[in-house]
Amino acid sequence: MARRPGPAIAVVVAIALAATACTASATWSPPPLRVEPVTAAAPAPVNRPVRFLGRVSRIGPQLRARLVGRNWRPGCPVPIGDLRVVWVTYRTFDGGAARGPLVVNARVAHDVLSVFRTLYRARFPVHRIGLPPRYRPPRRIDWFSTRDLTSSYNCRPATGNPGSLSQHSYGWAIDINPLENPYVGPDGKVLRRAAKPFLDRARHARGMIHAGDVVVRAFAAIGWRWGGDWHTLKDYMHFSLTGR
């Protein structure tokens, strides 16, 4: 039968354990917070902030690695160093709030920030904000796409005119809620089946943009023009610095 330690030994053990605990407490620190990468996936939820939160930042190494080969490539008209990422808070369709990135030309970054501050305060809903997917020439499969992504910079040809660059290639164009605000060709047809219900611009569904509304006025205040005012075709999602 093993002997139980006497009182003196028990005291020594207790002191040693206490010292070990103090040392561990003094040297331990919590792990660093995980920073979510910039992706075109689901928006980063926020806890219903009382005020709009936004910032303009340079393109860091992580975002640069995602842009190269996806939205930017050598030969594009704007160097990556002349682009900025604008983080904005936006109202979601379910009444909450989220935060997403818009990559734009440095010369318009603060103007874009002011537009999305206005939209947030006006409670205009945005389905999702993120990086656009890699450009691929339109195929029949686009007819079945239901993607509803608000996005900005993408070095690619203009829709319907592959011989010229889109204004998105210069970082001074933004598409907002493209499902609810479709591109309508000269023949009056949309590019995607899911957008057909929104050909009726007399509707006032969530996320739709109409002449003279808060979205059009906010962009007009920074000198941008709306594709919904075009004549031969309509691009209801599209706003740009040049009006093209």
C-alpha atoms as a PDB file:
ATOM      1  CA  MET A   1       0.000   0.000   0.000  1.00  0.00           C
ATOM      2  CA  ALA A   2       1.452   3.384  -1.077  1.00  0.00           C
ATOM      3  CA  ARG A   3       2.027   5.975   1.601  1.00  0.00           C
ATOM      4  CA  ARG A   4       0.166   9.296   1.273  1.00  0.00           C
ATOM      5  CA  PRO A   5       2.453  12.360   1.094  1.00  0.00           C
ATOM      6  CA  GLY A   6       2.891  14.181   4.323  1.00  0.00           C
ATOM      7  CA  PRO A   7       1.761  17.783   4.897  1.00  0.00           C
ATOM      8  CA  ALA A   8       5.181  19.254   4.007  1.00  0.00           C
ATOM      9  CA  ILE A   9       5.360  17.485   0.650  1.00  0.00           C
ATOM     10  CA  ALA A  10       1.777  18.515  -0.186  1.00  0.00           C
ATOM     11  CA  VAL A  11       2.627  22.178   0.453  1.00  0.00           C
ATOM     12  CA  VAL A  12       5.698  21.974  -1.827  1.00  0.00           C
ATOM     13  CA  VAL A  13       3.621  20.401  -4.627  1.00  0.00           C
ATOM     14  CA  ALA A  14       0.912  23.054  -4.310  1.00  0.00           C
ATOM     15  CA  ILE A  15       3.478  25.867  -4.506  1.00  0.00           C
ATOM     16  CA  ALA A  16       5.045  24.284  -7.627  1.00  0.00           C
ATOM     17  CA  LEU A  17       1.687  23.966  -9.335  1.00  0.00           C
ATOM     18  CA  ALA A  18       0.789  27.551  -8.527  1.00  0.00           C
ATOM     19  CA  ALA A  19       4.113  28.760  -9.928  1.00  0.00           C
ATOM     20  CA  THR A  20       3.544  26.789 -13.121  1.00  0.00           C
ATOM     21  CA  ALA A  21       0.062  28.261 -13.517  1.00  0.00           C
ATOM     22  CA  CYS A  22       1.372  31.821 -13.020  1.00  0.00           C
ATOM     23  CA  THR A  23       4.114  31.285 -15.579  1.00  0.00           C
ATOM     24  CA  ALA A  24       1.660  29.918 -18.128  1.00  0.00           C
ATOM     25  CA  SER A  25      -0.682  32.862 -17.575  1.00  0.00           C
ATOM     26  CA  ALA A  26       2.125  35.345 -18.020  1.00  0.00           C
ATOM     27  CA  THR A  27       3.396  33.910 -21.302  1.00  0.00           C
ATOM     28  CA  TRP A  28       0.146  32.870 -23.020  1.00  0.00           C
ATOM     29  CA  SER A  29      -1.476  35.197 -25.534  1.00  0.00           C
ATOM     30  CA  PRO A  30      -4.579  34.689 -27.691  1.00  0.00           C
ATOM     31  CA  PRO A  31      -4.059  33.703 -31.325  1.00  0.00           C
ATOM     32  CA  PRO A  32      -4.270  36.520 -33.902  1.00  0.00           C
ATOM     33  CA  LEU A  33      -7.646  37.267 -35.429  1.00  0.00           C
ATOM     34  CA  ARG A  34      -8.252  35.499 -38.731  1.00  0.00           C
ATOM     35  CA  VAL A  35      -8.514  37.880 -41.659  1.00  0.00           C
ATOM     36  CA  GLU A  36     -10.955  36.667 -44.290  1.00  0.00           C
ATOM     37  CA  PRO A  37      -9.563  36.758 -47.846  1.00  0.00           C
ATOM     38  CA  VAL A  38     -11.175  38.965 -50.469  1.00  0.00           C
ATOM     39  CA  THR A  39     -13.303  36.642 -52.591  1.00  0.00           C
ATOM     40  CA  ALA A  40     -16.371  36.720 -54.762  1.00  0.00           C
ATOM     41  CA  ALA A  41     -18.121  34.324 -52.396  1.00  0.00           C
ATOM     42  CA  ALA A  42     -20.690  35.139 -49.741  1.00  0.00           C
ATOM     43  CA  PRO A  43     -20.575  38.625 -48.190  1.00  0.00           C
ATOM     44  CA  ALA A  44     -18.982  39.175 -44.807  1.00  0.00           C
ATOM     45  CA  PRO A  45     -21.897  39.730 -42.374  1.00  0.00           C
ATOM     46  CA  VAL A  46     -21.787  42.582 -39.902  1.00  0.00           C
ATOM     47  CA  ASN A  47     -23.889  43.085 -36.819  1.00  0.00           C
ATOM     48  CA  ARG A  48     -26.209  45.800 -38.094  1.00  0.00           C
ATOM     49  CA  PRO A  49     -23.828  48.718 -37.595  1.00  0.00           C
ATOM     50  CA  VAL A  50     -25.413  51.950 -36.518  1.00  0.00           C
ATOM     51  CA  ARG A  51     -23.387  53.919 -39.038  1.00  0.00           C
ATOM     52  CA  PHE A  52     -21.872  53.281 -42.429  1.00  0.00           C
ATOM     53  CA  LEU A  53     -18.348  51.848 -42.294  1.00  0.00           C
ATOM     54  CA  GLY A  54     -16.078  52.220 -45.309  1.00  0.00           C
ATOM     55  CA  ARG A  55     -12.480  52.748 -46.277  1.00  0.00           C
ATOM     56  CA  VAL A  56     -10.191  53.144 -49.283  1.00  0.00           C
ATOM     57  CA  SER A  57      -7.023  51.017 -49.373  1.00  0.00           C
ATOM     58  CA  ARG A  58      -4.194  50.245 -51.754  1.00  0.00           C
ATOM     59  CA  ILE A  59      -4.137  46.836 -53.422  1.00  0.00           C
ATOM     60  CA  GLY A  60      -2.191  44.563 -51.050  1.00  0.00           C
ATOM     61  CA  PRO A  61      -0.317  41.359 -51.948  1.00  0.00           C
ATOM     62  CA  GLN A  62      -3.244  39.044 -51.172  1.00  0.00           C
ATOM     63  CA  LEU A  63      -5.752  40.933 -53.305  1.00  0.00           C
ATOM     64  CA  ARG A  64      -3.166  41.473 -56.056  1.00  0.00           C
ATOM     65  CA  ALA A  65      -2.656  37.707 -56.269  1.00  0.00           C
ATOM     66  CA  ARG A  66      -6.402  37.233 -56.757  1.00  0.00           C
ATOM     67  CA  LEU A  67      -6.728  39.961 -59.383  1.00  0.00           C
ATOM     68  CA  VAL A  68      -3.831  38.900 -61.620  1.00  0.00           C
ATOM     69  CA  GLY A  69      -5.084  36.426 -64.207  1.00  0.00           C
ATOM     70  CA  ARG A  70      -8.658  36.837 -63.035  1.00  0.00           C
ATOM     71  CA  ASN A  71      -9.617  40.500 -63.491  1.00  0.00           C
ATOM     72  CA  TRP A  72      -6.268  42.025 -64.500  1.00  0.00           C
ATOM     73  CA  ARG A  73      -3.496  40.918 -66.849  1.00  0.00           C
ATOM     74  CA  PRO A  74      -0.500  42.562 -68.548  1.00  0.00           C
ATOM     75  CA  GLY A  75      -1.726  44.901 -71.268  1.00  0.00           C
ATOM     76  CA  CYS A  76      -4.744  46.153 -69.338  1.00  0.00           C
ATOM     77  CA  PRO A  77      -5.054  49.959 -69.575  1.00  0.00           C
ATOM     78  CA  VAL A  78      -4.650  50.675 -65.830  1.00  0.00           C
ATOM     79  CA  PRO A  79      -1.682  49.400 -63.745  1.00  0.00           C
ATOM     80  CA  ILE A  80      -2.633  47.640 -60.533  1.00  0.00           C
ATOM     81  CA  GLY A  81      -0.813  50.394 -58.646  1.00  0.00           C
ATOM     82  CA  ASP A  82      -3.429  52.855 -59.913  1.00  0.00           C
ATOM     83  CA  LEU A  83      -6.310  50.793 -58.535  1.00  0.00           C
ATOM     84  CA  ARG A  84      -7.794  50.936 -55.030  1.00  0.00           C
ATOM     85  CA  VAL A  85     -10.102  48.663 -53.079  1.00  0.00           C
ATOM     86  CA  VAL A  86     -13.088  50.425 -51.536  1.00  0.00           C
ATOM     87  CA  TRP A  87     -14.628  48.492 -48.652  1.00  0.00           C
ATOM     88  CA  VAL A  88     -18.275  49.471 -48.176  1.00  0.00           C
ATOM     89  CA  THR A  89     -21.102  48.507 -45.871  1.00  0.00           C
ATOM     90  CA  TYR A  90     -24.376  47.811 -47.632  1.00  0.00           C
ATOM     91  CA  ARG A  91     -27.955  46.863 -46.827  1.00  0.00           C
ATOM     92  CA  THR A  92     -28.860  43.316 -47.790  1.00  0.00           C
ATOM     93  CA  PHE A  93     -32.140  42.056 -49.227  1.00  0.00           C
ATOM     94  CA  ASP A  94     -33.052  40.415 -45.911  1.00  0.00           C
ATOM     95  CA  GLY A  95     -32.823  43.711 -44.028  1.00  0.00           C
ATOM     96  CA  GLY A  96     -29.392  43.089 -42.517  1.00  0.00           C
ATOM     97  CA  ALA A  97     -26.028  44.506 -43.457  1.00  0.00           C
ATOM     98  CA  ALA A  98     -22.798  43.182 -44.954  1.00  0.00           C
ATOM     99  CA  ARG A  99     -19.424  44.465 -46.088  1.00  0.00           C
ATOM    100  CA  GLY A 100     -17.837  43.930 -49.502  1.00  0.00           C
ATOM    101  CA  PRO A 101     -15.003  45.137 -51.770  1.00  0.00           C
ATOM    102  CA  LEU A 102     -15.169  47.265 -54.915  1.00  0.00           C
ATOM    103  CA  VAL A 103     -11.942  47.634 -56.896  1.00  0.00           C
ATOM    104  CA  VAL A 104     -11.881  50.970 -58.737  1.00  0.00           C
ATOM    105  CA  ASN A 105      -9.525  53.507 -60.261  1.00  0.00           C
ATOM    106  CA  ALA A 106      -7.721  55.525 -57.580  1.00  0.00           C
ATOM    107  CA  ARG A 107      -9.041  58.805 -59.007  1.00  0.00           C
ATOM    108  CA  VAL A 108     -12.672  57.835 -58.286  1.00  0.00           C
ATOM    109  CA  ALA A 109     -12.244  55.787 -55.094  1.00  0.00           C
ATOM    110  CA  HIS A 110     -13.425  58.408 -52.608  1.00  0.00           C
ATOM    111  CA  ASP A 111     -16.330  59.389 -54.848  1.00  0.00           C
ATOM    112  CA  VAL A 112     -17.461  55.754 -54.976  1.00  0.00           C
ATOM    113  CA  LEU A 113     -17.210  55.568 -51.199  1.00  0.00           C
ATOM    114  CA  SER A 114     -19.521  58.585 -50.898  1.00  0.00           C
ATOM    115  CA  VAL A 115     -22.084  56.985 -53.248  1.00  0.00           C
ATOM    116  CA  PHE A 116     -22.327  53.800 -51.198  1.00  0.00           C
ATOM    117  CA  ARG A 117     -22.548  55.807 -47.994  1.00  0.00           C
ATOM    118  CA  THR A 118     -25.592  57.531 -49.493  1.00  0.00           C
ATOM    119  CA  LEU A 119     -27.148  54.222 -50.577  1.00  0.00           C
ATOM    120  CA  TYR A 120     -26.594  52.713 -47.134  1.00  0.00           C
ATOM    121  CA  ARG A 121     -28.246  55.639 -45.392  1.00  0.00           C
ATOM    122  CA  ALA A 122     -31.151  55.475 -47.848  1.00  0.00           C
ATOM    123  CA  ARG A 123     -31.493  51.744 -47.084  1.00  0.00           C
ATOM    124  CA  PHE A 124     -31.222  50.787 -50.751  1.00  0.00           C
ATOM    125  CA  PRO A 125     -30.704  46.989 -50.807  1.00  0.00           C
ATOM    126  CA  VAL A 126     -27.789  45.344 -52.608  1.00  0.00           C
ATOM    127  CA  HIS A 127     -27.838  41.592 -53.089  1.00  0.00           C
ATOM    128  CA  ARG A 128     -24.077  41.036 -52.851  1.00  0.00           C
ATOM    129  CA  ILE A 129     -20.833  42.951 -53.435  1.00  0.00           C
ATOM    130  CA  GLY A 130     -17.632  41.191 -54.460  1.00  0.00           C
ATOM    131  CA  LEU A 131     -15.000  40.604 -57.111  1.00  0.00           C
ATOM    132  CA  PRO A 132     -16.424  39.663 -60.524  1.00  0.00           C
ATOM    133  CA  PRO A 133     -15.579  36.253 -61.956  1.00  0.00           C
ATOM    134  CA  ARG A 134     -12.966  35.819 -64.669  1.00  0.00           C
ATOM    135  CA  TYR A 135     -14.302  37.054 -68.000  1.00  0.00           C
ATOM    136  CA  ARG A 136     -15.351  34.415 -70.487  1.00  0.00           C
ATOM    137  CA  PRO A 137     -17.019  35.047 -73.849  1.00  0.00           C
ATOM    138  CA  PRO A 138     -20.824  34.769 -73.516  1.00  0.00           C
ATOM    139  CA  ARG A 139     -22.172  31.290 -74.063  1.00  0.00           C
ATOM    140  CA  ARG A 140     -25.605  29.745 -74.046  1.00  0.00           C
ATOM    141  CA  ILE A 141     -25.094  28.788 -70.388  1.00  0.00           C
ATOM    142  CA  ASP A 142     -25.290  32.515 -69.459  1.00  0.00           C
ATOM    143  CA  TRP A 143     -29.006  32.298 -70.247  1.00  0.00           C
ATOM    144  CA  PHE A 144     -29.455  30.157 -67.128  1.00  0.00           C
ATOM    145  CA  SER A 145     -27.251  32.150 -64.760  1.00  0.00           C
ATOM    146  CA  THR A 146     -28.885  33.689 -61.691  1.00  0.00           C
ATOM    147  CA  ARG A 147     -25.774  35.461 -60.426  1.00  0.00           C
ATOM    148  CA  ASP A 148     -26.654  38.834 -58.846  1.00  0.00           C
ATOM    149  CA  LEU A 149     -23.266  40.321 -58.008  1.00  0.00           C
ATOM    150  CA  THR A 150     -22.583  44.037 -57.675  1.00  0.00           C
ATOM    151  CA  SER A 151     -19.018  44.611 -58.865  1.00  0.00           C
ATOM    152  CA  SER A 152     -16.672  47.087 -60.484  1.00  0.00           C
ATOM    153  CA  TYR A 153     -13.195  46.549 -61.968  1.00  0.00           C
ATOM    154  CA  ASN A 154     -12.824  43.853 -64.618  1.00  0.00           C
ATOM    155  CA  CYS A 155     -10.489  44.156 -67.598  1.00  0.00           C
ATOM    156  CA  ARG A 156     -12.702  42.744 -70.386  1.00  0.00           C
ATOM    157  CA  PRO A 157     -14.417  43.602 -73.682  1.00  0.00           C
ATOM    158  CA  ALA A 158     -17.576  45.690 -73.674  1.00  0.00           C
ATOM    159  CA  THR A 159     -20.844  43.752 -73.645  1.00  0.00           C
ATOM    160  CA  GLY A 160     -22.128  43.490 -77.186  1.00  0.00           C
ATOM    161  CA  ASN A 161     -18.971  45.059 -78.637  1.00  0.00           C
ATOM    162  CA  PRO A 162     -15.996  42.693 -78.273  1.00  0.00           C
ATOM    163  CA  GLY A 163     -13.792  44.998 -80.345  1.00  0.00           C
ATOM    164  CA  SER A 164     -13.595  47.625 -77.581  1.00  0.00           C
ATOM    165  CA  LEU A 165     -12.794  47.578 -73.901  1.00  0.00           C
ATOM    166  CA  SER A 166     -15.485  47.917 -71.266  1.00  0.00           C
ATOM    167  CA  GLN A 167     -15.339  50.965 -69.020  1.00  0.00           C
ATOM    168  CA  HIS A 168     -14.884  48.433 -66.213  1.00  0.00           C
ATOM    169  CA  SER A 169     -11.372  47.921 -67.621  1.00  0.00           C
ATOM    170  CA  TYR A 170     -10.483  51.438 -66.491  1.00  0.00           C
ATOM    171  CA  GLY A 171     -11.911  51.054 -63.004  1.00  0.00           C
ATOM    172  CA  TRP A 172     -14.544  53.747 -63.408  1.00  0.00           C
ATOM    173  CA  ALA A 173     -17.716  51.711 -63.918  1.00  0.00           C
ATOM    174  CA  ILE A 174     -19.941  49.779 -61.491  1.00  0.00           C
ATOM    175  CA  ASP A 175     -22.801  47.325 -62.075  1.00  0.00           C
ATOM    176  CA  ILE A 176     -25.449  47.218 -59.338  1.00  0.00           C
ATOM    177  CA  ASN A 177     -27.890  44.323 -58.804  1.00  0.00           C
ATOM    178  CA  PRO A 178     -27.584  43.013 -62.392  1.00  0.00           C
ATOM    179  CA  LEU A 179     -30.481  40.598 -62.023  1.00  0.00           C
ATOM    180  CA  GLU A 180     -32.986  43.275 -61.051  1.00  0.00           C
ATOM    181  CA  ASN A 181     -31.391  45.785 -63.456  1.00  0.00           C
ATOM    182  CA  PRO A 182     -30.595  43.835 -66.619  1.00  0.00           C
ATOM    183  CA  TYR A 183     -28.762  44.632 -69.827  1.00  0.00           C
ATOM    184  CA  VAL A 184     -31.401  44.912 -72.556  1.00  0.00           C
ATOM    185  CA  GLY A 185     -30.160  44.650 -76.133  1.00  0.00           C
ATOM    186  CA  PRO A 186     -31.404  46.641 -79.139  1.00  0.00           C
ATOM    187  CA  ASP A 187     -33.786  43.754 -79.860  1.00  0.00           C
ATOM    188  CA  GLY A 188     -35.428  44.235 -76.444  1.00  0.00           C
ATOM    189  CA  LYS A 189     -34.135  40.947 -75.070  1.00  0.00           C
ATOM    190  CA  VAL A 190     -32.162  40.268 -71.901  1.00  0.00           C
ATOM    191  CA  LEU A 191     -29.061  38.061 -71.706  1.00  0.00           C
ATOM    192  CA  ARG A 192     -30.381  35.856 -68.888  1.00  0.00           C
ATOM    193  CA  ARG A 193     -33.716  34.136 -68.376  1.00  0.00           C
ATOM    194  CA  ALA A 194     -33.873  35.028 -64.669  1.00  0.00           C
ATOM    195  CA  ALA A 195     -33.832  38.746 -65.558  1.00  0.00           C
ATOM    196  CA  LYS A 196     -36.916  38.596 -67.828  1.00  0.00           C
ATOM    197  CA  PRO A 197     -39.390  39.583 -65.060  1.00  0.00           C
ATOM    198  CA  PHE A 198     -37.444  42.833 -64.618  1.00  0.00           C
ATOM    199  CA  LEU A 199     -37.933  43.954 -68.211  1.00  0.00           C
ATOM    200  CA  ASP A 200     -41.059  45.624 -66.849  1.00  0.00           C
ATOM    201  CA  ARG A 201     -39.521  48.812 -65.458  1.00  0.00           C
ATOM    202  CA  ALA A 202     -42.869  49.912 -64.064  1.00  0.00           C
ATOM    203  CA  ARG A 203     -42.203  47.382 -61.305  1.00  0.00           C
ATOM    204  CA  HIS A 204     -40.741  48.608 -58.031  1.00  0.00           C
ATOM    205  CA  ALA A 205     -39.205  45.434 -56.636  1.00  0.00           C
ATOM    206  CA  ARG A 206     -36.376  45.587 -54.138  1.00  0.00           C
ATOM    207  CA  GLY A 207     -33.020  46.462 -55.660  1.00  0.00           C
ATOM    208  CA  MET A 208     -34.419  47.907 -58.884  1.00  0.00           C
ATOM    209  CA  ILE A 209     -33.076  51.235 -60.150  1.00  0.00           C
ATOM    210  CA  HIS A 210     -35.370  53.862 -61.683  1.00  0.00           C
ATOM    211  CA  ALA A 211     -34.859  57.254 -63.284  1.00  0.00           C
ATOM    212  CA  GLY A 212     -34.421  59.964 -60.654  1.00  0.00           C
ATOM    213  CA  ASP A 213     -34.173  57.581 -57.683  1.00  0.00           C
ATOM    214  CA  VAL A 214     -31.557  57.700 -54.938  1.00  0.00           C
ATOM    215  CA  VAL A 215     -29.092  55.511 -56.867  1.00  0.00           C
ATOM    216  CA  VAL A 216     -29.210  57.639 -60.025  1.00  0.00           C
ATOM    217  CA  ARG A 217     -28.990  60.860 -57.994  1.00  0.00           C
ATOM    218  CA  ALA A 218     -26.057  59.587 -55.906  1.00  0.00           C
ATOM    219  CA  PHE A 219     -24.012  58.732 -58.992  1.00  0.00           C
ATOM    220  CA  ALA A 220     -25.032  61.953 -60.749  1.00  0.00           C
ATOM    221  CA  ALA A 221     -23.666  63.862 -57.754  1.00  0.00           C
ATOM    222  CA  ILE A 222     -20.165  62.555 -58.547  1.00  0.00           C
ATOM    223  CA  GLY A 223     -20.537  63.150 -62.287  1.00  0.00           C
ATOM    224  CA  TRP A 224     -21.319  59.569 -63.337  1.00  0.00           C
ATOM    225  CA  ARG A 225     -24.065  58.617 -65.799  1.00  0.00           C
ATOM    226  CA  TRP A 226     -26.532  55.745 -65.955  1.00  0.00           C
ATOM    227  CA  GLY A 227     -26.915  53.094 -68.649  1.00  0.00           C
ATOM    228  CA  GLY A 228     -30.663  53.248 -68.153  1.00  0.00           C
ATOM    229  CA  ASP A 229     -30.633  56.554 -70.047  1.00  0.00           C
ATOM    230  CA  TRP A 230     -29.093  55.048 -73.185  1.00  0.00           C
ATOM    231  CA  HIS A 231     -31.220  54.998 -76.339  1.00  0.00           C
ATOM    232  CA  THR A 232     -30.291  52.095 -78.641  1.00  0.00           C
ATOM    233  CA  LEU A 233     -30.047  49.688 -75.705  1.00  0.00           C
ATOM    234  CA  LYS A 234     -30.459  49.801 -71.937  1.00  0.00           C
ATOM    235  CA  ASP A 235     -27.963  48.765 -69.280  1.00  0.00           C
ATOM    236  CA  TYR A 236     -29.953  49.381 -66.120  1.00  0.00           C
ATOM    237  CA  MET A 237     -27.254  48.045 -63.802  1.00  0.00           C
ATOM    238  CA  HIS A 238     -24.451  50.190 -65.233  1.00  0.00           C
ATOM    239  CA  PHE A 239     -22.974  53.480 -64.007  1.00  0.00           C
ATOM    240  CA  SER A 240     -19.774  55.004 -65.348  1.00  0.00           C
ATOM    241  CA  LEU A 241     -17.643  58.106 -65.200  1.00  0.00           C
ATOM    242  CA  THR A 242     -17.654  58.522 -68.985  1.00  0.00           C
ATOM    243  CA  GLY A 243     -21.305  57.627 -69.557  1.00  0.00           C
ATOM    244  CA  ARG A 244     -20.303  54.696 -71.776  1.00  0.00           C
END
